[in-house]
Structures are given as C-alpha cells and as structure tokens.
PDB file of N, CA and C in Angstrom:
ATOM      1  N   UNK A   1      -6.374   8.215   1.384  1.00  0.00           N
ATOM      2  CA  UNK A   1      -5.895   7.289   0.709  1.00  0.00           C
ATOM      3  C   UNK A   1      -5.023   8.067  -0.294  1.00  0.00           C
ATOM      4  N   UNK A   2      -5.593   9.231  -0.662  1.00  0.00           N
ATOM      5  CA  UNK A   2      -5.056   9.986  -2.054  1.00  0.00           C
ATOM      6  C   UNK A   2      -3.798  10.657  -1.593  1.00  0.00           C
ATOM      7  N   UNK A   3      -4.160  10.852  -0.044  1.00  0.00           N
ATOM      8  CA  UNK A   3      -3.376  11.940   0.305  1.00  0.00           C
ATOM      9  C   UNK A   3      -2.122  10.902   0.673  1.00  0.00           C
ATOM     10  N   UNK A   4      -2.163   9.786   1.452  1.00  0.00           N
ATOM     11  CA  UNK A   4      -0.980   8.688   2.237  1.00  0.00           C
ATOM     12  C   UNK A   4      -0.040   8.753   0.858  1.00  0.00           C
ATOM     13  N   UNK A   5      -0.798   8.493  -0.325  1.00  0.00           N
ATOM     14  CA  UNK A   5      -0.085   7.902  -2.067  1.00  0.00           C
ATOM     15  C   UNK A   5       0.692   9.083  -2.115  1.00  0.00           C
ATOM     16  N   UNK A   6       0.206   9.982  -2.677  1.00  0.00           N
ATOM     17  CA  UNK A   6       0.669  11.181  -2.920  1.00  0.00           C
ATOM     18  C   UNK A   6       1.868  11.381  -2.033  1.00  0.00           C
ATOM     19  N   UNK A   7       2.192  11.599  -0.689  1.00  0.00           N
ATOM     20  CA  UNK A   7       2.835  11.731   0.215  1.00  0.00           C
ATOM     21  C   UNK A   7       3.971  10.519   0.297  1.00  0.00           C
ATOM     22  N   UNK A   8       3.656   9.469  -0.105  1.00  0.00           N
ATOM     23  CA  UNK A   8       4.800   8.454  -0.288  1.00  0.00           C
ATOM     24  C   UNK A   8       5.611   9.065  -1.413  1.00  0.00           C
ATOM     25  N   UNK A   9       4.935   9.061  -2.270  1.00  0.00           N
ATOM     26  CA  UNK A   9       5.561   9.271  -4.029  1.00  0.00           C
ATOM     27  C   UNK A   9       6.088  11.022  -4.211  1.00  0.00           C
ATOM     28  N   UNK A  10       5.446  12.156  -3.551  1.00  0.00           N
ATOM     29  CA  UNK A  10       5.770  13.190  -3.566  1.00  0.00           C
ATOM     30  C   UNK A  10       6.290  13.959  -2.033  1.00  0.00           C
ATOM     31  N   UNK A  11       6.251  13.136  -0.968  1.00  0.00           N
ATOM     32  CA  UNK A  11       6.792  13.889   0.157  1.00  0.00           C
ATOM     33  C   UNK A  11       5.642  15.222   0.389  1.00  0.00           C
ATOM     34  N   UNK A  12       4.139  15.257  -0.057  1.00  0.00           N
ATOM     35  CA  UNK A  12       3.604  16.399   0.203  1.00  0.00           C
ATOM     36  C   UNK A  12       3.467  16.734   1.912  1.00  0.00           C
ATOM     37  N   UNK A  13       3.331  15.720   2.221  1.00  0.00           N
ATOM     38  CA  UNK A  13       3.322  16.365   4.154  1.00  0.00           C
ATOM     39  C   UNK A  13       1.757  15.988   4.119  1.00  0.00           C
ATOM     40  N   UNK A  14       0.708  15.786   2.728  1.00  0.00           N
ATOM     41  CA  UNK A  14      -0.429  15.949   3.347  1.00  0.00           C
ATOM     42  C   UNK A  14      -1.338  15.100   3.897  1.00  0.00           C
ATOM     43  N   UNK A  15      -0.757  13.860   4.626  1.00  0.00           N
ATOM     44  CA  UNK A  15      -1.246  12.676   5.147  1.00  0.00           C
ATOM     45  C   UNK A  15      -1.051  12.551   6.576  1.00  0.00           C
ATOM     46  N   UNK A  16      -1.909  12.600   7.156  1.00  0.00           N
ATOM     47  CA  UNK A  16      -1.962  12.584   9.078  1.00  0.00           C
ATOM     48  C   UNK A  16      -2.620  11.069   9.214  1.00  0.00           C
ATOM     49  N   UNK A  17      -2.215  10.233   9.668  1.00  0.00           N
ATOM     50  CA  UNK A  17      -2.584   8.858  10.128  1.00  0.00           C
ATOM     51  C   UNK A  17      -2.175   7.885  10.507  1.00  0.00           C
ATOM     52  N   UNK A  18      -2.884   6.741  10.616  1.00  0.00           N
ATOM     53  CA  UNK A  18      -1.755   5.663  10.907  1.00  0.00           C
ATOM     54  C   UNK A  18      -2.516   4.452  10.071  1.00  0.00           C
ATOM     55  N   UNK A  19      -1.697   4.785   9.033  1.00  0.00           N
ATOM     56  CA  UNK A  19      -2.046   3.342   8.039  1.00  0.00           C
ATOM     57  C   UNK A  19      -1.912   1.588   8.738  1.00  0.00           C
ATOM     58  N   UNK A  20      -1.100   1.570   9.826  1.00  0.00           N
ATOM     59  CA  UNK A  20      -1.243   0.418  10.481  1.00  0.00           C
ATOM     60  C   UNK A  20      -1.995   0.313  11.145  1.00  0.00           C
ATOM     61  N   UNK A  21      -2.536   1.116  12.068  1.00  0.00           N
ATOM     62  CA  UNK A  21      -3.130   1.047  12.775  1.00  0.00           C
ATOM     63  C   UNK A  21      -4.983   0.922  11.999  1.00  0.00           C
ATOM     64  N   UNK A  22      -5.157   1.036  10.817  1.00  0.00           N
ATOM     65  CA  UNK A  22      -6.285   1.092  10.052  1.00  0.00           C
ATOM     66  C   UNK A  22      -6.078  -0.363   9.527  1.00  0.00           C
ATOM     67  N   UNK A  23      -5.366  -1.103   9.158  1.00  0.00           N
ATOM     68  CA  UNK A  23      -5.394  -2.288   8.809  1.00  0.00           C
ATOM     69  C   UNK A  23      -5.469  -3.356   9.899  1.00  0.00           C
ATOM     70  N   UNK A  24      -4.994  -2.657  11.217  1.00  0.00           N
ATOM     71  CA  UNK A  24      -5.009  -3.969  12.325  1.00  0.00           C
ATOM     72  C   UNK A  24      -6.240  -3.905  12.897  1.00  0.00           C
ATOM     73  N   UNK A  25      -7.119  -2.636  12.450  1.00  0.00           N
ATOM     74  CA  UNK A  25      -8.799  -2.708  12.896  1.00  0.00           C
ATOM     75  C   UNK A  25      -9.449  -3.500  11.610  1.00  0.00           C
ATOM     76  N   UNK A  26      -9.051  -3.479  10.716  1.00  0.00           N
ATOM     77  CA  UNK A  26      -9.586  -4.063   9.381  1.00  0.00           C
ATOM     78  C   UNK A  26      -9.757  -5.735  10.108  1.00  0.00           C
ATOM     79  N   UNK A  27      -8.302  -5.761  10.138  1.00  0.00           N
ATOM     80  CA  UNK A  27      -8.162  -7.053  10.306  1.00  0.00           C
ATOM     81  C   UNK A  27      -8.915  -7.462  11.553  1.00  0.00           C
ATOM     82  N   UNK A  28      -9.434  -7.275  12.724  1.00  0.00           N
ATOM     83  CA  UNK A  28      -9.780  -7.691  13.609  1.00  0.00           C
ATOM     84  C   UNK A  28     -11.271  -7.811  13.584  1.00  0.00           C
ATOM     85  N   UNK A  29     -11.862  -7.117  12.134  1.00  0.00           N
ATOM     86  CA  UNK A  29     -12.869  -7.101  12.244  1.00  0.00           C
ATOM     87  C   UNK A  29     -13.209  -7.847  11.154  1.00  0.00           C
ATOM     88  N   UNK A  30     -13.140  -8.135   9.943  1.00  0.00           N
ATOM     89  CA  UNK A  30     -12.702  -9.280   8.867  1.00  0.00           C
ATOM     90  C   UNK A  30     -10.997  -9.973   8.680  1.00  0.00           C
ATOM     91  N   UNK A  31     -10.371 -11.123   9.579  1.00  0.00           N
ATOM     92  CA  UNK A  31      -9.320 -11.274   9.421  1.00  0.00           C
ATOM     93  C   UNK A  31      -8.648 -11.752   7.380  1.00  0.00           C
ATOM     94  N   UNK A  32      -7.588 -11.289   7.698  1.00  0.00           N
ATOM     95  CA  UNK A  32      -6.779 -10.933   6.248  1.00  0.00           C
ATOM     96  C   UNK A  32      -5.905 -12.098   6.311  1.00  0.00           C
ATOM     97  N   UNK A  33      -5.122 -12.867   5.513  1.00  0.00           N
ATOM     98  CA  UNK A  33      -4.032 -13.549   4.956  1.00  0.00           C
ATOM     99  C   UNK A  33      -3.181 -12.979   3.939  1.00  0.00           C
ATOM    100  N   UNK A  34      -2.214 -13.348   4.047  1.00  0.00           N
ATOM    101  CA  UNK A  34      -0.938 -13.174   2.566  1.00  0.00           C
ATOM    102  C   UNK A  34      -2.194 -13.181   1.368  1.00  0.00           C
ATOM    103  N   UNK A  35      -2.344 -13.760   1.067  1.00  0.00           N
ATOM    104  CA  UNK A  35      -3.184 -14.033  -0.243  1.00  0.00           C
ATOM    105  C   UNK A  35      -3.977 -12.711  -0.419  1.00  0.00           C
ATOM    106  N   UNK A  36      -4.600 -11.828   0.524  1.00  0.00           N
ATOM    107  CA  UNK A  36      -5.089 -10.843   0.529  1.00  0.00           C
ATOM    108  C   UNK A  36      -4.141  -9.651   0.291  1.00  0.00           C
ATOM    109  N   UNK A  37      -3.006  -9.586   0.408  1.00  0.00           N
ATOM    110  CA  UNK A  37      -1.988  -8.713   0.472  1.00  0.00           C
ATOM    111  C   UNK A  37      -1.177  -8.731  -0.919  1.00  0.00           C
ATOM    112  N   UNK A  38      -0.939 -10.295  -1.169  1.00  0.00           N
ATOM    113  CA  UNK A  38      -0.510 -10.706  -2.749  1.00  0.00           C
ATOM    114  C   UNK A  38      -1.438  -9.770  -3.787  1.00  0.00           C
ATOM    115  N   UNK A  39      -2.870 -10.164  -3.891  1.00  0.00           N
ATOM    116  CA  UNK A  39      -3.787  -9.702  -4.652  1.00  0.00           C
ATOM    117  C   UNK A  39      -3.952  -8.544  -4.828  1.00  0.00           C
ATOM    118  N   UNK A  40      -3.763  -7.629  -3.341  1.00  0.00           N
ATOM    119  CA  UNK A  40      -3.604  -6.271  -3.379  1.00  0.00           C
ATOM    120  C   UNK A  40      -2.463  -5.800  -4.602  1.00  0.00           C
ATOM    121  N   UNK A  41      -1.343  -6.330  -4.170  1.00  0.00           N
ATOM    122  CA  UNK A  41       0.018  -5.872  -5.258  1.00  0.00           C
ATOM    123  C   UNK A  41      -0.302  -6.292  -6.512  1.00  0.00           C
ATOM    124  N   UNK A  42      -0.765  -6.873  -6.573  1.00  0.00           N
ATOM    125  CA  UNK A  42      -1.179  -7.152  -8.261  1.00  0.00           C
ATOM    126  C   UNK A  42      -2.173  -5.880  -8.522  1.00  0.00           C
ATOM    127  N   UNK A  43      -2.975  -6.099  -8.096  1.00  0.00           N
ATOM    128  CA  UNK A  43      -3.927  -4.718  -8.899  1.00  0.00           C
ATOM    129  C   UNK A  43      -3.219  -3.482  -8.619  1.00  0.00           C
ATOM    130  N   UNK A  44      -2.701  -3.107  -7.695  1.00  0.00           N
ATOM    131  CA  UNK A  44      -2.063  -1.897  -7.765  1.00  0.00           C
ATOM    132  C   UNK A  44      -1.062  -1.700  -8.790  1.00  0.00           C
ATOM    133  N   UNK A  45       0.059  -2.758  -9.016  1.00  0.00           N
ATOM    134  CA  UNK A  45       0.837  -3.230  -9.898  1.00  0.00           C
ATOM    135  C   UNK A  45       0.311  -2.724 -11.209  1.00  0.00           C
ATOM    136  N   UNK A  46      -0.974  -3.466 -11.039  1.00  0.00           N
ATOM    137  CA  UNK A  46      -1.205  -3.577 -12.623  1.00  0.00           C
ATOM    138  C   UNK A  46      -2.096  -2.132 -13.251  1.00  0.00           C
ATOM    139  N   UNK A  47      -2.711  -1.388 -12.125  1.00  0.00           N
ATOM    140  CA  UNK A  47      -3.466  -0.339 -12.424  1.00  0.00           C
ATOM    141  C   UNK A  47      -2.471   0.355 -12.871  1.00  0.00           C
ATOM    142  N   UNK A  48      -1.129   0.545 -12.265  1.00  0.00           N
ATOM    143  CA  UNK A  48       0.496   1.684 -12.473  1.00  0.00           C
ATOM    144  C   UNK A  48       0.470   1.298 -14.042  1.00  0.00           C
ATOM    145  N   UNK A  49       0.488   0.299 -14.434  1.00  0.00           N
ATOM    146  CA  UNK A  49       1.095  -0.019 -15.664  1.00  0.00           C
ATOM    147  C   UNK A  49       0.407   0.100 -16.699  1.00  0.00           C
ATOM    148  N   UNK A  50      -0.863  -0.044 -16.509  1.00  0.00           N
ATOM    149  CA  UNK A  50      -2.628   0.410 -17.479  1.00  0.00           C
ATOM    150  C   UNK A  50      -1.855   2.272 -17.688  1.00  0.00           C
ATOM    151  N   UNK A  51      -1.504   2.961 -16.427  1.00  0.00           N
ATOM    152  CA  UNK A  51      -2.181   4.384 -16.332  1.00  0.00           C
ATOM    153  C   UNK A  51      -0.953   4.556 -16.338  1.00  0.00           C
ATOM    154  N   UNK A  52       0.216   4.496 -15.703  1.00  0.00           N
ATOM    155  CA  UNK A  52       1.701   5.599 -15.850  1.00  0.00           C
ATOM    156  C   UNK A  52       2.789   4.871 -16.381  1.00  0.00           C
ATOM    157  N   UNK A  53       3.660   5.401 -16.725  1.00  0.00           N
ATOM    158  CA  UNK A  53       4.857   4.843 -16.825  1.00  0.00           C
ATOM    159  C   UNK A  53       6.074   6.033 -16.460  1.00  0.00           C
ATOM    160  N   UNK A  54       6.917   5.435 -16.792  1.00  0.00           N
ATOM    161  CA  UNK A  54       8.073   6.364 -15.926  1.00  0.00           C
ATOM    162  C   UNK A  54       8.958   6.173 -14.662  1.00  0.00           C
ATOM    163  N   UNK A  55       9.856   6.900 -14.267  1.00  0.00           N
ATOM    164  CA  UNK A  55      10.536   6.898 -12.757  1.00  0.00           C
ATOM    165  C   UNK A  55      10.117   6.575 -11.628  1.00  0.00           C
ATOM    166  N   UNK A  56       8.876   7.156 -11.666  1.00  0.00           N
ATOM    167  CA  UNK A  56       7.715   7.325 -10.435  1.00  0.00           C
ATOM    168  C   UNK A  56       7.051   5.734 -10.708  1.00  0.00           C
ATOM    169  N   UNK A  57       6.389   5.771 -11.491  1.00  0.00           N
ATOM    170  CA  UNK A  57       5.751   4.277 -11.809  1.00  0.00           C
ATOM    171  C   UNK A  57       6.487   3.351 -10.950  1.00  0.00           C
ATOM    172  N   UNK A  58       7.749   3.587 -11.540  1.00  0.00           N
ATOM    173  CA  UNK A  58       8.448   2.569 -10.893  1.00  0.00           C
ATOM    174  C   UNK A  58       8.660   2.253  -9.712  1.00  0.00           C
ATOM    175  N   UNK A  59       9.006   3.419  -9.142  1.00  0.00           N
ATOM    176  CA  UNK A  59       9.210   3.588  -7.634  1.00  0.00           C
ATOM    177  C   UNK A  59       8.324   3.809  -6.678  1.00  0.00           C
ATOM    178  N   UNK A  60       6.674   3.809  -7.490  1.00  0.00           N
ATOM    179  CA  UNK A  60       5.517   3.766  -6.901  1.00  0.00           C
ATOM    180  C   UNK A  60       5.210   2.314  -6.685  1.00  0.00           C
ATOM    181  N   UNK A  61       5.795   1.307  -7.474  1.00  0.00           N
ATOM    182  CA  UNK A  61       5.210   0.180  -7.372  1.00  0.00           C
ATOM    183  C   UNK A  61       6.104  -0.487  -6.426  1.00  0.00           C
ATOM    184  N   UNK A  62       7.698  -0.195  -6.792  1.00  0.00           N
ATOM    185  CA  UNK A  62       8.466  -0.992  -5.213  1.00  0.00           C
ATOM    186  C   UNK A  62       8.214   0.007  -3.800  1.00  0.00           C
ATOM    187  N   UNK A  63       7.744   1.074  -3.976  1.00  0.00           N
ATOM    188  CA  UNK A  63       7.174   1.339  -2.140  1.00  0.00           C
ATOM    189  C   UNK A  63       6.111   0.649  -2.262  1.00  0.00           C
ATOM    190  N   UNK A  64       4.897   0.410  -3.089  1.00  0.00           N
ATOM    191  CA  UNK A  64       4.065  -0.261  -2.193  1.00  0.00           C
ATOM    192  C   UNK A  64       4.260  -1.645  -2.290  1.00  0.00           C
ATOM    193  N   UNK A  65       4.725  -2.198  -3.217  1.00  0.00           N
ATOM    194  CA  UNK A  65       5.326  -3.453  -2.782  1.00  0.00           C
ATOM    195  C   UNK A  65       6.090  -4.039  -1.074  1.00  0.00           C
ATOM    196  N   UNK A  66       6.605  -2.649  -1.011  1.00  0.00           N
ATOM    197  CA  UNK A  66       7.773  -2.575   0.581  1.00  0.00           C
ATOM    198  C   UNK A  66       6.344  -2.606   1.863  1.00  0.00           C
ATOM    199  N   UNK A  67       6.175  -1.760   1.245  1.00  0.00           N
ATOM    200  CA  UNK A  67       4.804  -1.542   2.508  1.00  0.00           C
ATOM    201  C   UNK A  67       3.916  -2.102   2.365  1.00  0.00           C
ATOM    202  N   UNK A  68       3.266  -3.095   1.699  1.00  0.00           N
ATOM    203  CA  UNK A  68       2.400  -4.352   1.625  1.00  0.00           C
ATOM    204  C   UNK A  68       3.134  -5.279   2.696  1.00  0.00           C
ATOM    205  N   UNK A  69       4.458  -5.568   2.228  1.00  0.00           N
ATOM    206  CA  UNK A  69       5.150  -6.418   2.928  1.00  0.00           C
ATOM    207  C   UNK A  69       5.388  -6.303   4.571  1.00  0.00           C
ATOM    208  N   UNK A  70       5.297  -5.238   4.676  1.00  0.00           N
ATOM    209  CA  UNK A  70       5.565  -4.401   6.187  1.00  0.00           C
ATOM    210  C   UNK A  70       3.973  -4.374   7.142  1.00  0.00           C
ATOM    211  N   UNK A  71       3.078  -3.957   6.147  1.00  0.00           N
ATOM    212  CA  UNK A  71       1.677  -4.277   6.996  1.00  0.00           C
ATOM    213  C   UNK A  71       1.434  -5.662   6.959  1.00  0.00           C
ATOM    214  N   UNK A  72       1.385  -6.376   6.105  1.00  0.00           N
ATOM    215  CA  UNK A  72       1.252  -8.040   6.362  1.00  0.00           C
ATOM    216  C   UNK A  72       1.740  -8.040   7.083  1.00  0.00           C
ATOM    217  N   UNK A  73       3.008  -8.345   7.250  1.00  0.00           N
ATOM    218  CA  UNK A  73       4.054  -9.145   8.515  1.00  0.00           C
ATOM    219  C   UNK A  73       3.653  -8.291   9.948  1.00  0.00           C
ATOM    220  N   UNK A  74       2.971  -6.907  10.025  1.00  0.00           N
ATOM    221  CA  UNK A  74       2.842  -6.434  11.157  1.00  0.00           C
ATOM    222  C   UNK A  74       1.276  -6.824  11.585  1.00  0.00           C
ATOM    223  N   UNK A  75       0.862  -6.818  10.542  1.00  0.00           N
ATOM    224  CA  UNK A  75      -0.507  -6.720  10.700  1.00  0.00           C
ATOM    225  C   UNK A  75      -1.046  -8.888  11.475  1.00  0.00           C
ATOM    226  N   UNK A  76      -0.445  -9.363  10.261  1.00  0.00           N
ATOM    227  CA  UNK A  76      -0.963 -10.774  10.518  1.00  0.00           C
ATOM    228  C   UNK A  76       0.416 -11.787  11.800  1.00  0.00           C
ATOM    229  N   UNK A  77       1.200 -10.765  12.229  1.00  0.00           N
ATOM    230  CA  UNK A  77       2.359 -11.596  13.114  1.00  0.00           C
ATOM    231  C   UNK A  77       1.288 -11.768  14.063  1.00  0.00           C
TER     232      UNK A  77
END
C-alpha cells in the first residue's frame, strides 16, 4: 500500500499490482457498499490534513477521491 500511494504521488514506479483486483477479491469475500468508500475517503483526507499541508497534500486528497470513485464504481457495478 505504501508503494501504491508513493507511486501515485511521486511517480516512483515502485508499485506492481492490481488495486482493482484486490478490491474485487475483497468485495467477493465481504461485500462493500458506497458508504464504505465514503468512510475511507473521510478517514484518508482527515489523516492527510492532520499530518501534511501544501500542494502535495491537496493533490493526494484529490487523487484519492478520484481513485476511490473509480474503484467503487468498477467494484460495485
């Protein structure tokens, strides 16, 4: 997970995986709903706000919201 977010923010290339497949597998074991994704976004953005500030903090929150929406749509559809 660290490598995933580091790659999203800094383009390190350290992540090799399929977050979509991970979420689909999780959903098949324990069904998720939109509220799960909304809660995750709140926890993520609150944590970023508590620990970081500046341009990269704003960027990661925006990107996280977009990623959460895409994964939610593709997982729950």
